[in-house]
Amino acid sequence: MTPRDLRILFVAALLFCAGVSTAALKPAASGPPVTPEIDAMLPDAFGAWRRIGLSDAVLPAETALREGEAVAYRAYRDDLGRTVTLVVAYGPPLGDSVRLHRPEKCYVAQGYDILSKSRASMSAAGRPITIVNLDTKSAARREAVSYWLRNGDIFTGRAGESAFRRFQNGLSGPLDGALVRVSTINAQSPQFDLNRAFLADFANALSPDARALLLGAKEGA
């Protein structure tokens, strides 16, 4: 083989490698988002909690769900007679079904004042997450509201880290988002401990698919 032939083979090999690299960098074609059967994925009973009929709950104004978005409403009662209202919303990416269900918007729109807002850390099915606690009050009652908002793989309260990770990954935004909200009624003081205990038991009772939907893929999984 002559030196000229070797040069031709070398150039051809370079072109082939460049073509393979370019193909690998092209994003895979994605179809329309799949709408999860979110209500069917929620447990009817877990621990001391049993599902009951939903009534007298603060719910957002209904909007037409877009493809891939899902919302579910539940109420549960334990063996002590305590009642917790649950709202779950999912959307890819952080869509209207999730944003419009943020408690700050829902409660204020229905005449509630937000007396205080704080953040707390907890473990949900082995995942460290941040939840938001709202002490809300209307002319008729007082509610303790607790929720987590998953934005991609980041939870509420870590917006700066979320933006940094999106920059690292070269992404323009999160792939999906989920909101899980619980509320309890008490005339004296907000029952945030009850909310947190319910959320922990609820997360542990979820199926693997439901956990991935509401809590995201577990690191290392």
C-alpha atoms as a PDB file:
ATOM      1  CA  MET A   1       0.000   0.000   0.000  1.00  0.00           C
ATOM      2  CA  THR A   2       1.406   3.347  -1.081  1.00  0.00           C
ATOM      3  CA  PRO A   3       1.714   6.416   1.228  1.00  0.00           C
ATOM      4  CA  ARG A   4      -1.048   8.075  -0.828  1.00  0.00           C
ATOM      5  CA  ASP A   5      -3.387   5.119  -0.134  1.00  0.00           C
ATOM      6  CA  LEU A   6      -2.616   5.338   3.584  1.00  0.00           C
ATOM      7  CA  ARG A   7      -3.483   9.050   3.600  1.00  0.00           C
ATOM      8  CA  ILE A   8      -6.820   8.336   1.875  1.00  0.00           C
ATOM      9  CA  LEU A   9      -7.687   5.636   4.437  1.00  0.00           C
ATOM     10  CA  PHE A  10      -6.737   7.931   7.318  1.00  0.00           C
ATOM     11  CA  VAL A  11      -8.956  10.761   6.045  1.00  0.00           C
ATOM     12  CA  ALA A  12     -11.836   8.340   5.460  1.00  0.00           C
ATOM     13  CA  ALA A  13     -11.496   7.037   9.024  1.00  0.00           C
ATOM     14  CA  LEU A  14     -11.620  10.580  10.390  1.00  0.00           C
ATOM     15  CA  LEU A  15     -14.759  11.350   8.392  1.00  0.00           C
ATOM     16  CA  PHE A  16     -16.412   8.162   9.605  1.00  0.00           C
ATOM     17  CA  CYS A  17     -15.643   8.961  13.268  1.00  0.00           C
ATOM     18  CA  ALA A  18     -16.953  12.497  12.839  1.00  0.00           C
ATOM     19  CA  GLY A  19     -20.192  11.157  11.379  1.00  0.00           C
ATOM     20  CA  VAL A  20     -20.657   8.742  14.275  1.00  0.00           C
ATOM     21  CA  SER A  21     -20.015  11.501  16.824  1.00  0.00           C
ATOM     22  CA  THR A  22     -22.510  13.831  15.160  1.00  0.00           C
ATOM     23  CA  ALA A  23     -25.178  11.133  15.127  1.00  0.00           C
ATOM     24  CA  ALA A  24     -24.579  10.457  18.816  1.00  0.00           C
ATOM     25  CA  LEU A  25     -25.083  14.131  19.648  1.00  0.00           C
ATOM     26  CA  LYS A  26     -28.430  14.403  17.852  1.00  0.00           C
ATOM     27  CA  PRO A  27     -31.368  14.237  20.309  1.00  0.00           C
ATOM     28  CA  ALA A  28     -33.550  11.220  19.969  1.00  0.00           C
ATOM     29  CA  ALA A  29     -36.911  11.874  18.397  1.00  0.00           C
ATOM     30  CA  SER A  30     -39.509  12.233  21.116  1.00  0.00           C
ATOM     31  CA  GLY A  31     -43.190  11.552  20.744  1.00  0.00           C
ATOM     32  CA  PRO A  32     -46.048  13.245  22.574  1.00  0.00           C
ATOM     33  CA  PRO A  33     -45.872  13.022  26.391  1.00  0.00           C
ATOM     34  CA  VAL A  34     -47.744  10.123  27.940  1.00  0.00           C
ATOM     35  CA  THR A  35     -50.487  11.096  30.379  1.00  0.00           C
ATOM     36  CA  PRO A  36     -50.128   8.995  33.546  1.00  0.00           C
ATOM     37  CA  GLU A  37     -53.135   7.419  35.259  1.00  0.00           C
ATOM     38  CA  ILE A  38     -52.205   9.303  38.377  1.00  0.00           C
ATOM     39  CA  ASP A  39     -55.356   8.700  40.423  1.00  0.00           C
ATOM     40  CA  ALA A  40     -55.101   4.949  39.886  1.00  0.00           C
ATOM     41  CA  MET A  41     -51.499   5.056  41.131  1.00  0.00           C
ATOM     42  CA  LEU A  42     -52.415   6.507  44.543  1.00  0.00           C
ATOM     43  CA  PRO A  43     -53.043   4.131  47.468  1.00  0.00           C
ATOM     44  CA  ASP A  44     -56.539   3.885  48.933  1.00  0.00           C
ATOM     45  CA  ALA A  45     -55.183   2.819  52.318  1.00  0.00           C
ATOM     46  CA  PHE A  46     -51.811   2.860  54.065  1.00  0.00           C
ATOM     47  CA  GLY A  47     -50.810   2.726  57.714  1.00  0.00           C
ATOM     48  CA  ALA A  48     -53.610   4.231  59.798  1.00  0.00           C
ATOM     49  CA  TRP A  49     -55.035   6.158  56.832  1.00  0.00           C
ATOM     50  CA  ARG A  50     -58.089   5.227  54.760  1.00  0.00           C
ATOM     51  CA  ARG A  51     -59.528   7.039  51.763  1.00  0.00           C
ATOM     52  CA  ILE A  52     -62.802   8.893  52.356  1.00  0.00           C
ATOM     53  CA  GLY A  53     -65.077  11.099  50.253  1.00  0.00           C
ATOM     54  CA  LEU A  54     -63.665  14.484  49.326  1.00  0.00           C
ATOM     55  CA  SER A  55     -65.661  17.507  50.493  1.00  0.00           C
ATOM     56  CA  ASP A  56     -65.118  21.073  51.659  1.00  0.00           C
ATOM     57  CA  ALA A  57     -61.593  21.245  50.271  1.00  0.00           C
ATOM     58  CA  VAL A  58     -59.709  24.193  48.822  1.00  0.00           C
ATOM     59  CA  LEU A  59     -59.208  23.225  45.202  1.00  0.00           C
ATOM     60  CA  PRO A  60     -57.927  25.250  42.259  1.00  0.00           C
ATOM     61  CA  ALA A  61     -60.173  26.390  39.434  1.00  0.00           C
ATOM     62  CA  GLU A  62     -60.403  23.598  36.909  1.00  0.00           C
ATOM     63  CA  THR A  63     -58.491  24.097  33.674  1.00  0.00           C
ATOM     64  CA  ALA A  64     -58.290  21.965  30.562  1.00  0.00           C
ATOM     65  CA  LEU A  65     -55.391  19.585  30.972  1.00  0.00           C
ATOM     66  CA  ARG A  66     -52.877  19.423  28.170  1.00  0.00           C
ATOM     67  CA  GLU A  67     -51.281  16.255  26.849  1.00  0.00           C
ATOM     68  CA  GLY A  68     -49.160  14.621  29.519  1.00  0.00           C
ATOM     69  CA  GLU A  69     -50.708  16.535  32.450  1.00  0.00           C
ATOM     70  CA  ALA A  70     -52.662  14.861  35.241  1.00  0.00           C
ATOM     71  CA  VAL A  71     -54.324  15.891  38.517  1.00  0.00           C
ATOM     72  CA  ALA A  72     -55.822  13.872  41.374  1.00  0.00           C
ATOM     73  CA  TYR A  73     -57.719  14.890  44.526  1.00  0.00           C
ATOM     74  CA  ARG A  74     -58.089  12.713  47.609  1.00  0.00           C
ATOM     75  CA  ALA A  75     -59.064  12.844  51.288  1.00  0.00           C
ATOM     76  CA  TYR A  76     -57.924  10.406  53.992  1.00  0.00           C
ATOM     77  CA  ARG A  77     -58.913   9.812  57.631  1.00  0.00           C
ATOM     78  CA  ASP A  78     -56.974   7.953  60.292  1.00  0.00           C
ATOM     79  CA  ASP A  79     -58.220   5.873  63.207  1.00  0.00           C
ATOM     80  CA  LEU A  80     -58.198   8.983  65.439  1.00  0.00           C
ATOM     81  CA  GLY A  81     -60.629  10.772  63.142  1.00  0.00           C
ATOM     82  CA  ARG A  82     -58.081  13.209  61.744  1.00  0.00           C
ATOM     83  CA  THR A  83     -58.592  14.173  58.095  1.00  0.00           C
ATOM     84  CA  VAL A  84     -55.986  15.125  55.519  1.00  0.00           C
ATOM     85  CA  THR A  85     -56.770  16.471  52.049  1.00  0.00           C
ATOM     86  CA  LEU A  86     -54.357  15.533  49.266  1.00  0.00           C
ATOM     87  CA  VAL A  87     -53.824  17.199  45.885  1.00  0.00           C
ATOM     88  CA  VAL A  88     -51.395  15.767  43.323  1.00  0.00           C
ATOM     89  CA  ALA A  89     -50.503  17.381  39.995  1.00  0.00           C
ATOM     90  CA  TYR A  90     -48.051  16.286  37.297  1.00  0.00           C
ATOM     91  CA  GLY A  91     -46.920  17.861  34.054  1.00  0.00           C
ATOM     92  CA  PRO A  92     -44.043  17.580  31.569  1.00  0.00           C
ATOM     93  CA  PRO A  93     -42.349  19.980  31.756  1.00  0.00           C
ATOM     94  CA  LEU A  94     -43.472  21.997  34.771  1.00  0.00           C
ATOM     95  CA  GLY A  95     -46.809  22.623  33.084  1.00  0.00           C
ATOM     96  CA  ASP A  96     -49.926  24.578  33.866  1.00  0.00           C
ATOM     97  CA  SER A  97     -51.463  21.721  35.841  1.00  0.00           C
ATOM     98  CA  VAL A  98     -48.569  21.969  38.295  1.00  0.00           C
ATOM     99  CA  ARG A  99     -48.103  25.734  38.389  1.00  0.00           C
ATOM    100  CA  LEU A 100     -51.794  26.528  38.773  1.00  0.00           C
ATOM    101  CA  HIS A 101     -52.073  24.148  41.726  1.00  0.00           C
ATOM    102  CA  ARG A 102     -49.446  25.921  43.820  1.00  0.00           C
ATOM    103  CA  PRO A 103     -51.125  26.515  47.203  1.00  0.00           C
ATOM    104  CA  GLU A 104     -50.070  30.157  47.399  1.00  0.00           C
ATOM    105  CA  LYS A 105     -52.279  30.834  44.377  1.00  0.00           C
ATOM    106  CA  CYS A 106     -55.163  28.524  45.288  1.00  0.00           C
ATOM    107  CA  TYR A 107     -55.635  29.712  48.851  1.00  0.00           C
ATOM    108  CA  VAL A 108     -55.254  33.439  48.217  1.00  0.00           C
ATOM    109  CA  ALA A 109     -57.679  33.183  45.281  1.00  0.00           C
ATOM    110  CA  GLN A 110     -60.278  31.683  47.643  1.00  0.00           C
ATOM    111  CA  GLY A 111     -60.016  34.346  50.315  1.00  0.00           C
ATOM    112  CA  TYR A 112     -57.324  32.941  52.590  1.00  0.00           C
ATOM    113  CA  ASP A 113     -54.510  34.947  54.151  1.00  0.00           C
ATOM    114  CA  ILE A 114     -51.096  33.311  54.372  1.00  0.00           C
ATOM    115  CA  LEU A 115     -50.023  34.004  57.957  1.00  0.00           C
ATOM    116  CA  SER A 116     -46.588  32.422  57.593  1.00  0.00           C
ATOM    117  CA  LYS A 117     -44.461  30.482  55.136  1.00  0.00           C
ATOM    118  CA  SER A 118     -41.479  28.308  55.967  1.00  0.00           C
ATOM    119  CA  ARG A 119     -39.450  25.455  54.532  1.00  0.00           C
ATOM    120  CA  ALA A 120     -38.436  22.190  56.149  1.00  0.00           C
ATOM    121  CA  SER A 121     -36.454  19.112  55.203  1.00  0.00           C
ATOM    122  CA  MET A 122     -37.779  15.581  55.378  1.00  0.00           C
ATOM    123  CA  SER A 123     -37.184  12.126  53.990  1.00  0.00           C
ATOM    124  CA  ALA A 124     -39.744  10.712  51.561  1.00  0.00           C
ATOM    125  CA  ALA A 125     -39.200   7.054  50.634  1.00  0.00           C
ATOM    126  CA  GLY A 126     -35.483   7.506  51.276  1.00  0.00           C
ATOM    127  CA  ARG A 127     -35.197  10.707  49.254  1.00  0.00           C
ATOM    128  CA  PRO A 128     -34.211  13.941  51.030  1.00  0.00           C
ATOM    129  CA  ILE A 129     -36.682  16.608  49.943  1.00  0.00           C
ATOM    130  CA  THR A 130     -37.703  20.141  50.862  1.00  0.00           C
ATOM    131  CA  ILE A 131     -41.308  20.904  51.718  1.00  0.00           C
ATOM    132  CA  VAL A 132     -43.074  24.243  52.134  1.00  0.00           C
ATOM    133  CA  ASN A 133     -45.354  24.874  55.110  1.00  0.00           C
ATOM    134  CA  LEU A 134     -48.103  27.518  54.892  1.00  0.00           C
ATOM    135  CA  ASP A 135     -50.200  28.673  57.833  1.00  0.00           C
ATOM    136  CA  THR A 136     -53.399  29.919  56.170  1.00  0.00           C
ATOM    137  CA  LYS A 137     -56.554  31.453  57.569  1.00  0.00           C
ATOM    138  CA  SER A 138     -59.944  32.495  56.199  1.00  0.00           C
ATOM    139  CA  ALA A 139     -63.008  33.946  57.896  1.00  0.00           C
ATOM    140  CA  ALA A 140     -64.289  30.395  58.397  1.00  0.00           C
ATOM    141  CA  ARG A 141     -61.252  28.308  59.324  1.00  0.00           C
ATOM    142  CA  ARG A 142     -57.510  27.859  59.603  1.00  0.00           C
ATOM    143  CA  GLU A 143     -55.556  25.338  57.554  1.00  0.00           C
ATOM    144  CA  ALA A 144     -52.031  24.016  57.711  1.00  0.00           C
ATOM    145  CA  VAL A 145     -50.777  23.378  54.178  1.00  0.00           C
ATOM    146  CA  SER A 146     -47.623  21.445  53.340  1.00  0.00           C
ATOM    147  CA  TYR A 147     -46.341  20.592  49.894  1.00  0.00           C
ATOM    148  CA  TRP A 148     -43.379  19.545  47.855  1.00  0.00           C
ATOM    149  CA  LEU A 149     -42.806  20.760  44.334  1.00  0.00           C
ATOM    150  CA  ARG A 150     -40.472  18.693  42.170  1.00  0.00           C
ATOM    151  CA  ASN A 151     -38.934  20.634  39.301  1.00  0.00           C
ATOM    152  CA  GLY A 152     -36.964  18.070  37.296  1.00  0.00           C
ATOM    153  CA  ASP A 153     -34.752  16.448  39.947  1.00  0.00           C
ATOM    154  CA  ILE A 154     -34.773  19.469  42.257  1.00  0.00           C
ATOM    155  CA  PHE A 155     -37.280  20.211  44.999  1.00  0.00           C
ATOM    156  CA  THR A 156     -38.791  23.477  46.197  1.00  0.00           C
ATOM    157  CA  GLY A 157     -36.362  25.841  47.829  1.00  0.00           C
ATOM    158  CA  ARG A 158     -33.359  24.930  45.702  1.00  0.00           C
ATOM    159  CA  ALA A 159     -33.956  27.079  42.643  1.00  0.00           C
ATOM    160  CA  GLY A 160     -30.355  28.215  42.463  1.00  0.00           C
ATOM    161  CA  GLU A 161     -29.075  24.649  42.443  1.00  0.00           C
ATOM    162  CA  SER A 162     -31.686  23.754  39.830  1.00  0.00           C
ATOM    163  CA  ALA A 163     -30.472  26.476  37.486  1.00  0.00           C
ATOM    164  CA  PHE A 164     -26.851  25.451  38.027  1.00  0.00           C
ATOM    165  CA  ARG A 165     -27.546  21.799  37.296  1.00  0.00           C
ATOM    166  CA  ARG A 166     -29.488  22.675  34.133  1.00  0.00           C
ATOM    167  CA  PHE A 167     -26.470  24.694  33.017  1.00  0.00           C
ATOM    168  CA  GLN A 168     -24.146  21.771  33.762  1.00  0.00           C
ATOM    169  CA  ASN A 169     -26.309  19.365  31.797  1.00  0.00           C
ATOM    170  CA  GLY A 170     -26.815  21.750  28.909  1.00  0.00           C
ATOM    171  CA  LEU A 171     -30.581  21.679  29.399  1.00  0.00           C
ATOM    172  CA  SER A 172     -32.926  24.602  28.892  1.00  0.00           C
ATOM    173  CA  GLY A 173     -35.345  23.412  31.555  1.00  0.00           C
ATOM    174  CA  PRO A 174     -36.624  20.437  33.564  1.00  0.00           C
ATOM    175  CA  LEU A 175     -38.068  17.369  31.903  1.00  0.00           C
ATOM    176  CA  ASP A 176     -41.136  17.274  34.133  1.00  0.00           C
ATOM    177  CA  GLY A 177     -42.595  18.483  37.385  1.00  0.00           C
ATOM    178  CA  ALA A 178     -44.873  17.263  40.155  1.00  0.00           C
ATOM    179  CA  LEU A 179     -46.707  18.835  43.072  1.00  0.00           C
ATOM    180  CA  VAL A 180     -47.897  16.942  46.158  1.00  0.00           C
ATOM    181  CA  ARG A 181     -49.957  19.010  48.615  1.00  0.00           C
ATOM    182  CA  VAL A 182     -51.659  18.102  51.890  1.00  0.00           C
ATOM    183  CA  SER A 183     -53.763  20.220  54.227  1.00  0.00           C
ATOM    184  CA  THR A 184     -55.309  19.836  57.676  1.00  0.00           C
ATOM    185  CA  ILE A 185     -57.836  21.988  59.541  1.00  0.00           C
ATOM    186  CA  ASN A 186     -57.227  23.159  63.096  1.00  0.00           C
ATOM    187  CA  ALA A 187     -58.607  26.226  64.823  1.00  0.00           C
ATOM    188  CA  GLN A 188     -55.739  26.564  67.293  1.00  0.00           C
ATOM    189  CA  SER A 189     -52.392  25.987  65.617  1.00  0.00           C
ATOM    190  CA  PRO A 190     -51.143  24.520  62.312  1.00  0.00           C
ATOM    191  CA  GLN A 191     -50.543  20.766  62.371  1.00  0.00           C
ATOM    192  CA  PHE A 192     -47.375  20.664  60.322  1.00  0.00           C
ATOM    193  CA  ASP A 193     -46.113  17.604  62.206  1.00  0.00           C
ATOM    194  CA  LEU A 194     -49.239  15.701  61.155  1.00  0.00           C
ATOM    195  CA  ASN A 195     -48.786  16.836  57.559  1.00  0.00           C
ATOM    196  CA  ARG A 196     -45.162  15.716  57.499  1.00  0.00           C
ATOM    197  CA  ALA A 197     -45.983  12.323  59.059  1.00  0.00           C
ATOM    198  CA  PHE A 198     -48.741  11.788  56.496  1.00  0.00           C
ATOM    199  CA  LEU A 199     -46.422  12.701  53.609  1.00  0.00           C
ATOM    200  CA  ALA A 200     -43.760  10.296  54.855  1.00  0.00           C
ATOM    201  CA  ASP A 201     -46.253   7.411  55.154  1.00  0.00           C
ATOM    202  CA  PHE A 202     -47.795   8.320  51.789  1.00  0.00           C
ATOM    203  CA  ALA A 203     -44.412   8.318  50.028  1.00  0.00           C
ATOM    204  CA  ASN A 204     -43.507   4.930  51.542  1.00  0.00           C
ATOM    205  CA  ALA A 205     -46.819   3.467  50.326  1.00  0.00           C
ATOM    206  CA  LEU A 206     -46.314   4.509  46.703  1.00  0.00           C
ATOM    207  CA  SER A 207     -45.451   1.977  44.026  1.00  0.00           C
ATOM    208  CA  PRO A 208     -42.065   2.352  42.286  1.00  0.00           C
ATOM    209  CA  ASP A 209     -43.760   3.920  39.264  1.00  0.00           C
ATOM    210  CA  ALA A 210     -45.660   6.407  41.410  1.00  0.00           C
ATOM    211  CA  ARG A 211     -42.505   7.308  43.319  1.00  0.00           C
ATOM    212  CA  ALA A 212     -40.661   7.977  40.085  1.00  0.00           C
ATOM    213  CA  LEU A 213     -43.535  10.188  38.956  1.00  0.00           C
ATOM    214  CA  LEU A 214     -43.924  12.210  42.138  1.00  0.00           C
ATOM    215  CA  LEU A 215     -40.399  12.063  43.578  1.00  0.00           C
ATOM    216  CA  GLY A 216     -38.286  11.590  40.468  1.00  0.00           C
ATOM    217  CA  ALA A 217     -35.689   8.966  39.706  1.00  0.00           C
ATOM    218  CA  LYS A 218     -33.688   8.079  42.799  1.00  0.00           C
ATOM    219  CA  GLU A 219     -29.999   8.939  42.544  1.00  0.00           C
ATOM    220  CA  GLY A 220     -27.963   5.876  41.709  1.00  0.00           C
ATOM    221  CA  ALA A 221     -31.051   3.996  40.478  1.00  0.00           C
END
